[in-house]
Structures are given as C-alpha cells and as structure tokens.
Amino acid sequence: VIERKRGLPVALGMLYIHAARRCGIAVTGIDFPG
C-alpha cells in the first residue's frame, strides 16, 4: 500500500491514524457498516 499509494479503507486508515497520533491528534477507527 505504501509503495503503490493505493489500498483498502482500513489500510489507508492506518496511515492517517499513525500521522495524526504522532501529532497529538485524537483519531478513532469506526466500524461503519461495509
């Protein structure tokens, strides 16, 4: 995913979570239907 810059929602979500948390931003994954 990192190499291709393409991925599934959960894989891409991990990038956002990592970056946000490193900056002290509260972010939570949401198990929305589908």
PDB file of all heavy atoms in Angstrom:
ATOM      1  N   VAL A   1       0.838  -1.201   0.000  1.00  0.00           N
ATOM      2  CA  VAL A   1       0.000   0.000   0.000  1.00  0.00           C
ATOM      3  C   VAL A   1       0.870   1.247   0.000  1.00  0.00           C
ATOM      4  O   VAL A   1       0.621   2.210  -0.742  1.00  0.00           O
ATOM      5  CB  VAL A   1      -0.946  -0.003   1.223  1.00  0.00           C
ATOM      6  CG1 VAL A   1      -1.630   1.354   1.388  1.00  0.00           C
ATOM      7  CG2 VAL A   1      -1.998  -1.106   1.077  1.00  0.00           C
ATOM      8  N   ILE A   2       1.912   1.255   0.809  1.00  0.00           N
ATOM      9  CA  ILE A   2       2.810   2.408   0.879  1.00  0.00           C
ATOM     10  C   ILE A   2       3.549   2.583  -0.446  1.00  0.00           C
ATOM     11  O   ILE A   2       3.750   3.710  -0.922  1.00  0.00           O
ATOM     12  CB  ILE A   2       3.793   2.245   2.054  1.00  0.00           C
ATOM     13  CG1 ILE A   2       3.029   2.366   3.377  1.00  0.00           C
ATOM     14  CG2 ILE A   2       4.911   3.287   1.984  1.00  0.00           C
ATOM     15  CD1 ILE A   2       3.862   2.078   4.608  1.00  0.00           C
ATOM     16  N   GLU A   3       3.954   1.467  -1.062  1.00  0.00           N
ATOM     17  CA  GLU A   3       4.663   1.556  -2.341  1.00  0.00           C
ATOM     18  C   GLU A   3       3.747   1.999  -3.466  1.00  0.00           C
ATOM     19  O   GLU A   3       4.117   2.848  -4.288  1.00  0.00           O
ATOM     20  CB  GLU A   3       5.273   0.199  -2.684  1.00  0.00           C
ATOM     21  CG  GLU A   3       6.468  -0.184  -1.831  1.00  0.00           C
ATOM     22  CD  GLU A   3       7.013  -1.553  -2.179  1.00  0.00           C
ATOM     23  OE1 GLU A   3       6.234  -2.437  -2.605  1.00  0.00           O
ATOM     24  OE2 GLU A   3       8.223  -1.757  -2.030  1.00  0.00           O
ATOM     25  N   ARG A   4       2.546   1.437  -3.524  1.00  0.00           N
ATOM     26  CA  ARG A   4       1.636   1.703  -4.634  1.00  0.00           C
ATOM     27  C   ARG A   4       0.792   2.956  -4.418  1.00  0.00           C
ATOM     28  O   ARG A   4       0.177   3.468  -5.333  1.00  0.00           O
ATOM     29  CB  ARG A   4       0.711   0.497  -4.845  1.00  0.00           C
ATOM     30  CG  ARG A   4       1.433  -0.783  -5.214  1.00  0.00           C
ATOM     31  CD  ARG A   4       0.503  -2.008  -5.126  1.00  0.00           C
ATOM     32  NE  ARG A   4      -0.621  -1.921  -6.034  1.00  0.00           N
ATOM     33  CZ  ARG A   4      -1.888  -1.795  -5.647  1.00  0.00           C
ATOM     34  NH1 ARG A   4      -2.200  -1.721  -4.348  1.00  0.00           N
ATOM     35  NH2 ARG A   4      -2.858  -1.735  -6.532  1.00  0.00           N
ATOM     36  N   LYS A   5       0.702   3.379  -3.149  1.00  0.00           N
ATOM     37  CA  LYS A   5      -0.135   4.516  -2.766  1.00  0.00           C
ATOM     38  C   LYS A   5      -1.606   4.257  -3.090  1.00  0.00           C
ATOM     39  O   LYS A   5      -2.376   5.173  -3.375  1.00  0.00           O
ATOM     40  CB  LYS A   5       0.352   5.816  -3.424  1.00  0.00           C
ATOM     41  CG  LYS A   5       1.778   6.167  -3.022  1.00  0.00           C
ATOM     42  CD  LYS A   5       2.167   7.564  -3.421  1.00  0.00           C
ATOM     43  CE  LYS A   5       3.556   7.912  -2.880  1.00  0.00           C
ATOM     44  NZ  LYS A   5       3.959   9.291  -3.187  1.00  0.00           N
ATOM     45  N   ARG A   6      -1.978   3.003  -3.015  1.00  0.00           N
ATOM     46  CA  ARG A   6      -3.352   2.563  -3.214  1.00  0.00           C
ATOM     47  C   ARG A   6      -3.661   1.482  -2.204  1.00  0.00           C
ATOM     48  O   ARG A   6      -2.785   0.682  -1.862  1.00  0.00           O
ATOM     49  CB  ARG A   6      -3.561   2.017  -4.634  1.00  0.00           C
ATOM     50  CG  ARG A   6      -3.428   3.050  -5.751  1.00  0.00           C
ATOM     51  CD  ARG A   6      -4.563   4.056  -5.700  1.00  0.00           C
ATOM     52  NE  ARG A   6      -4.466   5.063  -6.764  1.00  0.00           N
ATOM     53  CZ  ARG A   6      -3.796   6.186  -6.687  1.00  0.00           C
ATOM     54  NH1 ARG A   6      -3.112   6.466  -5.580  1.00  0.00           N
ATOM     55  NH2 ARG A   6      -3.788   7.055  -7.676  1.00  0.00           N
ATOM     56  N   GLY A   7      -4.905   1.435  -1.724  1.00  0.00           N
ATOM     57  CA  GLY A   7      -5.215   0.415  -0.739  1.00  0.00           C
ATOM     58  C   GLY A   7      -6.671   0.392  -0.344  1.00  0.00           C
ATOM     59  O   GLY A   7      -7.501   1.142  -0.868  1.00  0.00           O
ATOM     60  N   LEU A   8      -6.976  -0.485   0.611  1.00  0.00           N
ATOM     61  CA  LEU A   8      -8.310  -0.603   1.187  1.00  0.00           C
ATOM     62  C   LEU A   8      -8.523   0.488   2.237  1.00  0.00           C
ATOM     63  O   LEU A   8      -7.558   1.068   2.750  1.00  0.00           O
ATOM     64  CB  LEU A   8      -8.475  -1.973   1.831  1.00  0.00           C
ATOM     65  CG  LEU A   8      -8.402  -3.194   0.916  1.00  0.00           C
ATOM     66  CD1 LEU A   8      -8.465  -4.473   1.744  1.00  0.00           C
ATOM     67  CD2 LEU A   8      -9.525  -3.178  -0.105  1.00  0.00           C
ATOM     68  N   PRO A   9      -9.774   0.752   2.612  1.00  0.00           N
ATOM     69  CA  PRO A   9     -10.032   1.788   3.623  1.00  0.00           C
ATOM     70  C   PRO A   9      -9.267   1.570   4.928  1.00  0.00           C
ATOM     71  O   PRO A   9      -8.704   2.508   5.481  1.00  0.00           O
ATOM     72  CB  PRO A   9     -11.549   1.688   3.838  1.00  0.00           C
ATOM     73  CG  PRO A   9     -12.078   1.157   2.547  1.00  0.00           C
ATOM     74  CD  PRO A   9     -11.032   0.215   2.040  1.00  0.00           C
ATOM     75  N   VAL A  10      -9.226   0.321   5.412  1.00  0.00           N
ATOM     76  CA  VAL A  10      -8.578   0.066   6.701  1.00  0.00           C
ATOM     77  C   VAL A  10      -7.070   0.239   6.600  1.00  0.00           C
ATOM     78  O   VAL A  10      -6.422   0.748   7.535  1.00  0.00           O
ATOM     79  CB  VAL A  10      -8.957  -1.326   7.237  1.00  0.00           C
ATOM     80  CG1 VAL A  10      -8.436  -2.440   6.332  1.00  0.00           C
ATOM     81  CG2 VAL A  10      -8.444  -1.517   8.656  1.00  0.00           C
ATOM     82  N   ALA A  11      -6.467  -0.152   5.481  1.00  0.00           N
ATOM     83  CA  ALA A  11      -5.022   0.018   5.307  1.00  0.00           C
ATOM     84  C   ALA A  11      -4.661   1.496   5.217  1.00  0.00           C
ATOM     85  O   ALA A  11      -3.715   1.970   5.863  1.00  0.00           O
ATOM     86  CB  ALA A  11      -4.553  -0.727   4.066  1.00  0.00           C
ATOM     87  N   LEU A  12      -5.411   2.245   4.421  1.00  0.00           N
ATOM     88  CA  LEU A  12      -5.169   3.686   4.318  1.00  0.00           C
ATOM     89  C   LEU A  12      -5.457   4.376   5.647  1.00  0.00           C
ATOM     90  O   LEU A  12      -4.767   5.328   6.028  1.00  0.00           O
ATOM     91  CB  LEU A  12      -6.037   4.281   3.213  1.00  0.00           C
ATOM     92  CG  LEU A  12      -5.708   3.815   1.789  1.00  0.00           C
ATOM     93  CD1 LEU A  12      -6.811   4.237   0.824  1.00  0.00           C
ATOM     94  CD2 LEU A  12      -4.366   4.377   1.330  1.00  0.00           C
ATOM     95  N   GLY A  13      -6.478   3.880   6.346  1.00  0.00           N
ATOM     96  CA  GLY A  13      -6.811   4.465   7.644  1.00  0.00           C
ATOM     97  C   GLY A  13      -5.648   4.407   8.618  1.00  0.00           C
ATOM     98  O   GLY A  13      -5.461   5.311   9.438  1.00  0.00           O
ATOM     99  N   MET A  14      -4.845   3.343   8.521  1.00  0.00           N
ATOM    100  CA  MET A  14      -3.691   3.216   9.408  1.00  0.00           C
ATOM    101  C   MET A  14      -2.681   4.340   9.180  1.00  0.00           C
ATOM    102  O   MET A  14      -2.023   4.794  10.119  1.00  0.00           O
ATOM    103  CB  MET A  14      -3.022   1.860   9.211  1.00  0.00           C
ATOM    104  CG  MET A  14      -3.802   0.705   9.790  1.00  0.00           C
ATOM    105  SD  MET A  14      -2.893  -0.836   9.613  1.00  0.00           S
ATOM    106  CE  MET A  14      -3.932  -1.931  10.593  1.00  0.00           C
ATOM    107  N   LEU A  15      -2.544   4.785   7.937  1.00  0.00           N
ATOM    108  CA  LEU A  15      -1.628   5.884   7.648  1.00  0.00           C
ATOM    109  C   LEU A  15      -2.100   7.167   8.328  1.00  0.00           C
ATOM    110  O   LEU A  15      -1.301   7.910   8.912  1.00  0.00           O
ATOM    111  CB  LEU A  15      -1.519   6.104   6.140  1.00  0.00           C
ATOM    112  CG  LEU A  15      -1.106   4.912   5.280  1.00  0.00           C
ATOM    113  CD1 LEU A  15      -1.005   5.338   3.820  1.00  0.00           C
ATOM    114  CD2 LEU A  15       0.208   4.318   5.756  1.00  0.00           C
ATOM    115  N   TYR A  16      -3.405   7.428   8.230  1.00  0.00           N
ATOM    116  CA  TYR A  16      -3.963   8.619   8.868  1.00  0.00           C
ATOM    117  C   TYR A  16      -3.849   8.542  10.388  1.00  0.00           C
ATOM    118  O   TYR A  16      -3.512   9.537  11.052  1.00  0.00           O
ATOM    119  CB  TYR A  16      -5.429   8.792   8.462  1.00  0.00           C
ATOM    120  CG  TYR A  16      -5.622   9.275   7.053  1.00  0.00           C
ATOM    121  CD1 TYR A  16      -5.744   8.369   5.996  1.00  0.00           C
ATOM    122  CD2 TYR A  16      -5.688  10.632   6.763  1.00  0.00           C
ATOM    123  CE1 TYR A  16      -5.920   8.809   4.691  1.00  0.00           C
ATOM    124  CE2 TYR A  16      -5.870  11.082   5.460  1.00  0.00           C
ATOM    125  CZ  TYR A  16      -5.984  10.163   4.431  1.00  0.00           C
ATOM    126  OH  TYR A  16      -6.160  10.605   3.139  1.00  0.00           O
ATOM    127  N   ILE A  17      -4.142   7.365  10.944  1.00  0.00           N
ATOM    128  CA  ILE A  17      -4.069   7.197  12.397  1.00  0.00           C
ATOM    129  C   ILE A  17      -2.637   7.427  12.885  1.00  0.00           C
ATOM    130  O   ILE A  17      -2.407   8.112  13.885  1.00  0.00           O
ATOM    131  CB  ILE A  17      -4.569   5.796  12.797  1.00  0.00           C
ATOM    132  CG1 ILE A  17      -6.076   5.679  12.556  1.00  0.00           C
ATOM    133  CG2 ILE A  17      -4.250   5.501  14.261  1.00  0.00           C
ATOM    134  CD1 ILE A  17      -6.626   4.272  12.739  1.00  0.00           C
ATOM    135  N   HIS A  18      -1.679   6.846  12.175  1.00  0.00           N
ATOM    136  CA  HIS A  18      -0.272   6.995  12.577  1.00  0.00           C
ATOM    137  C   HIS A  18       0.143   8.462  12.552  1.00  0.00           C
ATOM    138  O   HIS A  18       0.711   8.977  13.533  1.00  0.00           O
ATOM    139  CB  HIS A  18       0.619   6.181  11.637  1.00  0.00           C
ATOM    140  CG  HIS A  18       2.085   6.315  11.940  1.00  0.00           C
ATOM    141  ND1 HIS A  18       2.729   5.510  12.849  1.00  0.00           N
ATOM    142  CD2 HIS A  18       3.032   7.177  11.467  1.00  0.00           C
ATOM    143  CE1 HIS A  18       4.004   5.857  12.922  1.00  0.00           C
ATOM    144  NE2 HIS A  18       4.212   6.870  12.100  1.00  0.00           N
ATOM    145  N   ALA A  19      -0.133   9.147  11.447  1.00  0.00           N
ATOM    146  CA  ALA A  19       0.282  10.540  11.315  1.00  0.00           C
ATOM    147  C   ALA A  19      -0.417  11.425  12.338  1.00  0.00           C
ATOM    148  O   ALA A  19       0.210  12.277  12.974  1.00  0.00           O
ATOM    149  CB  ALA A  19      -0.003  11.028   9.893  1.00  0.00           C
ATOM    150  N   ALA A  20      -1.726  11.222  12.515  1.00  0.00           N
ATOM    151  CA  ALA A  20      -2.487  12.068  13.436  1.00  0.00           C
ATOM    152  C   ALA A  20      -2.020  11.876  14.877  1.00  0.00           C
ATOM    153  O   ALA A  20      -1.798  12.854  15.606  1.00  0.00           O
ATOM    154  CB  ALA A  20      -3.975  11.749  13.310  1.00  0.00           C
ATOM    155  N   ARG A  21      -1.860  10.644  15.287  1.00  0.00           N
ATOM    156  CA  ARG A  21      -1.461  10.386  16.674  1.00  0.00           C
ATOM    157  C   ARG A  21      -0.058  10.914  16.966  1.00  0.00           C
ATOM    158  O   ARG A  21       0.212  11.375  18.072  1.00  0.00           O
ATOM    159  CB  ARG A  21      -1.555   8.890  16.978  1.00  0.00           C
ATOM    160  CG  ARG A  21      -2.999   8.399  17.076  1.00  0.00           C
ATOM    161  CD  ARG A  21      -3.063   6.907  17.374  1.00  0.00           C
ATOM    162  NE  ARG A  21      -4.444   6.456  17.518  1.00  0.00           N
ATOM    163  CZ  ARG A  21      -4.797   5.174  17.669  1.00  0.00           C
ATOM    164  NH1 ARG A  21      -3.864   4.232  17.691  1.00  0.00           N
ATOM    165  NH2 ARG A  21      -6.066   4.847  17.794  1.00  0.00           N
ATOM    166  N   ARG A  22       0.830  10.840  15.983  1.00  0.00           N
ATOM    167  CA  ARG A  22       2.174  11.380  16.177  1.00  0.00           C
ATOM    168  C   ARG A  22       2.127  12.898  16.385  1.00  0.00           C
ATOM    169  O   ARG A  22       3.044  13.470  16.967  1.00  0.00           O
ATOM    170  CB  ARG A  22       3.059  11.040  14.975  1.00  0.00           C
ATOM    171  CG  ARG A  22       3.528   9.603  14.930  1.00  0.00           C
ATOM    172  CD  ARG A  22       4.451   9.277  16.107  1.00  0.00           C
ATOM    173  NE  ARG A  22       4.900   7.917  16.111  1.00  0.00           N
ATOM    174  CZ  ARG A  22       6.029   7.493  15.554  1.00  0.00           C
ATOM    175  NH1 ARG A  22       6.819   8.368  14.945  1.00  0.00           N
ATOM    176  NH2 ARG A  22       6.380   6.230  15.617  1.00  0.00           N
ATOM    177  N   CYS A  23       1.057  13.513  15.916  1.00  0.00           N
ATOM    178  CA  CYS A  23       0.901  14.958  16.069  1.00  0.00           C
ATOM    179  C   CYS A  23       0.001  15.309  17.254  1.00  0.00           C
ATOM    180  O   CYS A  23      -0.391  16.468  17.421  1.00  0.00           O
ATOM    181  CB  CYS A  23       0.322  15.561  14.791  1.00  0.00           C
ATOM    182  SG  CYS A  23       1.388  15.374  13.350  1.00  0.00           S
ATOM    183  N   GLY A  24      -0.339  14.322  18.059  1.00  0.00           N
ATOM    184  CA  GLY A  24      -1.179  14.563  19.221  1.00  0.00           C
ATOM    185  C   GLY A  24      -2.639  14.755  18.910  1.00  0.00           C
ATOM    186  O   GLY A  24      -3.394  15.308  19.729  1.00  0.00           O
ATOM    187  N   ILE A  25      -3.081  14.313  17.749  1.00  0.00           N
ATOM    188  CA  ILE A  25      -4.477  14.459  17.332  1.00  0.00           C
ATOM    189  C   ILE A  25      -5.236  13.174  17.661  1.00  0.00           C
ATOM    190  O   ILE A  25      -4.774  12.069  17.356  1.00  0.00           O
ATOM    191  CB  ILE A  25      -4.576  14.743  15.827  1.00  0.00           C
ATOM    192  CG1 ILE A  25      -3.860  16.047  15.492  1.00  0.00           C
ATOM    193  CG2 ILE A  25      -6.022  14.779  15.358  1.00  0.00           C
ATOM    194  CD1 ILE A  25      -3.595  16.236  14.024  1.00  0.00           C
ATOM    195  N   ALA A  26      -6.393  13.315  18.282  1.00  0.00           N
ATOM    196  CA  ALA A  26      -7.214  12.156  18.636  1.00  0.00           C
ATOM    197  C   ALA A  26      -7.941  11.652  17.396  1.00  0.00           C
ATOM    198  O   ALA A  26      -8.672  12.390  16.733  1.00  0.00           O
ATOM    199  CB  ALA A  26      -8.224  12.536  19.713  1.00  0.00           C
ATOM    200  N   VAL A  27      -7.733  10.388  17.064  1.00  0.00           N
ATOM    201  CA  VAL A  27      -8.404   9.785  15.912  1.00  0.00           C
ATOM    202  C   VAL A  27      -8.777   8.357  16.276  1.00  0.00           C
ATOM    203  O   VAL A  27      -8.013   7.635  16.923  1.00  0.00           O
ATOM    204  CB  VAL A  27      -7.504   9.828  14.652  1.00  0.00           C
ATOM    205  CG1 VAL A  27      -6.197   9.104  14.887  1.00  0.00           C
ATOM    206  CG2 VAL A  27      -8.218   9.279  13.434  1.00  0.00           C
ATOM    207  N   THR A  28      -9.966   7.939  15.849  1.00  0.00           N
ATOM    208  CA  THR A  28     -10.501   6.619  16.180  1.00  0.00           C
ATOM    209  C   THR A  28     -11.017   5.937  14.929  1.00  0.00           C
ATOM    210  O   THR A  28     -11.682   6.578  14.103  1.00  0.00           O
ATOM    211  CB  THR A  28     -11.667   6.751  17.190  1.00  0.00           C
ATOM    212  OG1 THR A  28     -11.230   7.505  18.331  1.00  0.00           O
ATOM    213  CG2 THR A  28     -12.150   5.391  17.641  1.00  0.00           C
ATOM    214  N   GLY A  29     -10.732   4.663  14.789  1.00  0.00           N
ATOM    215  CA  GLY A  29     -11.323   3.885  13.710  1.00  0.00           C
ATOM    216  C   GLY A  29     -12.773   3.585  14.017  1.00  0.00           C
ATOM    217  O   GLY A  29     -13.122   3.286  15.161  1.00  0.00           O
ATOM    218  N   ILE A  30     -13.620   3.685  13.005  1.00  0.00           N
ATOM    219  CA  ILE A  30     -15.059   3.453  13.184  1.00  0.00           C
ATOM    220  C   ILE A  30     -15.493   2.286  12.307  1.00  0.00           C
ATOM    221  O   ILE A  30     -15.282   2.287  11.086  1.00  0.00           O
ATOM    222  CB  ILE A  30     -15.882   4.708  12.827  1.00  0.00           C
ATOM    223  CG1 ILE A  30     -15.484   5.870  13.745  1.00  0.00           C
ATOM    224  CG2 ILE A  30     -17.380   4.425  12.917  1.00  0.00           C
ATOM    225  CD1 ILE A  30     -15.781   5.640  15.212  1.00  0.00           C
ATOM    226  N   ASP A  31     -16.113   1.304  12.941  1.00  0.00           N
ATOM    227  CA  ASP A  31     -16.578   0.101  12.244  1.00  0.00           C
ATOM    228  C   ASP A  31     -17.945   0.369  11.620  1.00  0.00           C
ATOM    229  O   ASP A  31     -18.948  -0.222  12.000  1.00  0.00           O
ATOM    230  CB  ASP A  31     -16.643  -1.064  13.229  1.00  0.00           C
ATOM    231  CG  ASP A  31     -16.944  -2.389  12.551  1.00  0.00           C
ATOM    232  OD1 ASP A  31     -16.755  -2.483  11.315  1.00  0.00           O
ATOM    233  OD2 ASP A  31     -17.365  -3.339  13.247  1.00  0.00           O
ATOM    234  N   PHE A  32     -17.966   1.259  10.651  1.00  0.00           N
ATOM    235  CA  PHE A  32     -19.217   1.601   9.971  1.00  0.00           C
ATOM    236  C   PHE A  32     -19.617   0.437   9.064  1.00  0.00           C
ATOM    237  O   PHE A  32     -18.738  -0.230   8.492  1.00  0.00           O
ATOM    238  CB  PHE A  32     -19.025   2.872   9.139  1.00  0.00           C
ATOM    239  CG  PHE A  32     -20.294   3.547   8.733  1.00  0.00           C
ATOM    240  CD1 PHE A  32     -20.984   4.340   9.624  1.00  0.00           C
ATOM    241  CD2 PHE A  32     -20.811   3.383   7.451  1.00  0.00           C
ATOM    242  CE1 PHE A  32     -22.162   4.979   9.251  1.00  0.00           C
ATOM    243  CE2 PHE A  32     -21.984   4.004   7.070  1.00  0.00           C
ATOM    244  CZ  PHE A  32     -22.667   4.803   7.975  1.00  0.00           C
ATOM    245  N   PRO A  33     -20.912   0.171   8.923  1.00  0.00           N
ATOM    246  CA  PRO A  33     -21.330  -0.975   8.093  1.00  0.00           C
ATOM    247  C   PRO A  33     -20.751  -0.932   6.684  1.00  0.00           C
ATOM    248  O   PRO A  33     -20.985   0.006   5.931  1.00  0.00           O
ATOM    249  CB  PRO A  33     -22.857  -0.832   8.063  1.00  0.00           C
ATOM    250  CG  PRO A  33     -23.196  -0.138   9.345  1.00  0.00           C
ATOM    251  CD  PRO A  33     -22.062   0.824   9.574  1.00  0.00           C
ATOM    252  N   GLY A  34     -19.959  -1.944   6.354  1.00  0.00           N
ATOM    253  CA  GLY A  34     -19.444  -2.103   4.998  1.00  0.00           C
ATOM    254  C   GLY A  34     -18.277  -1.227   4.622  1.00  0.00           C
ATOM    255  O   GLY A  34     -17.715  -1.386   3.531  1.00  0.00           O
TER     256      GLY A  34
END
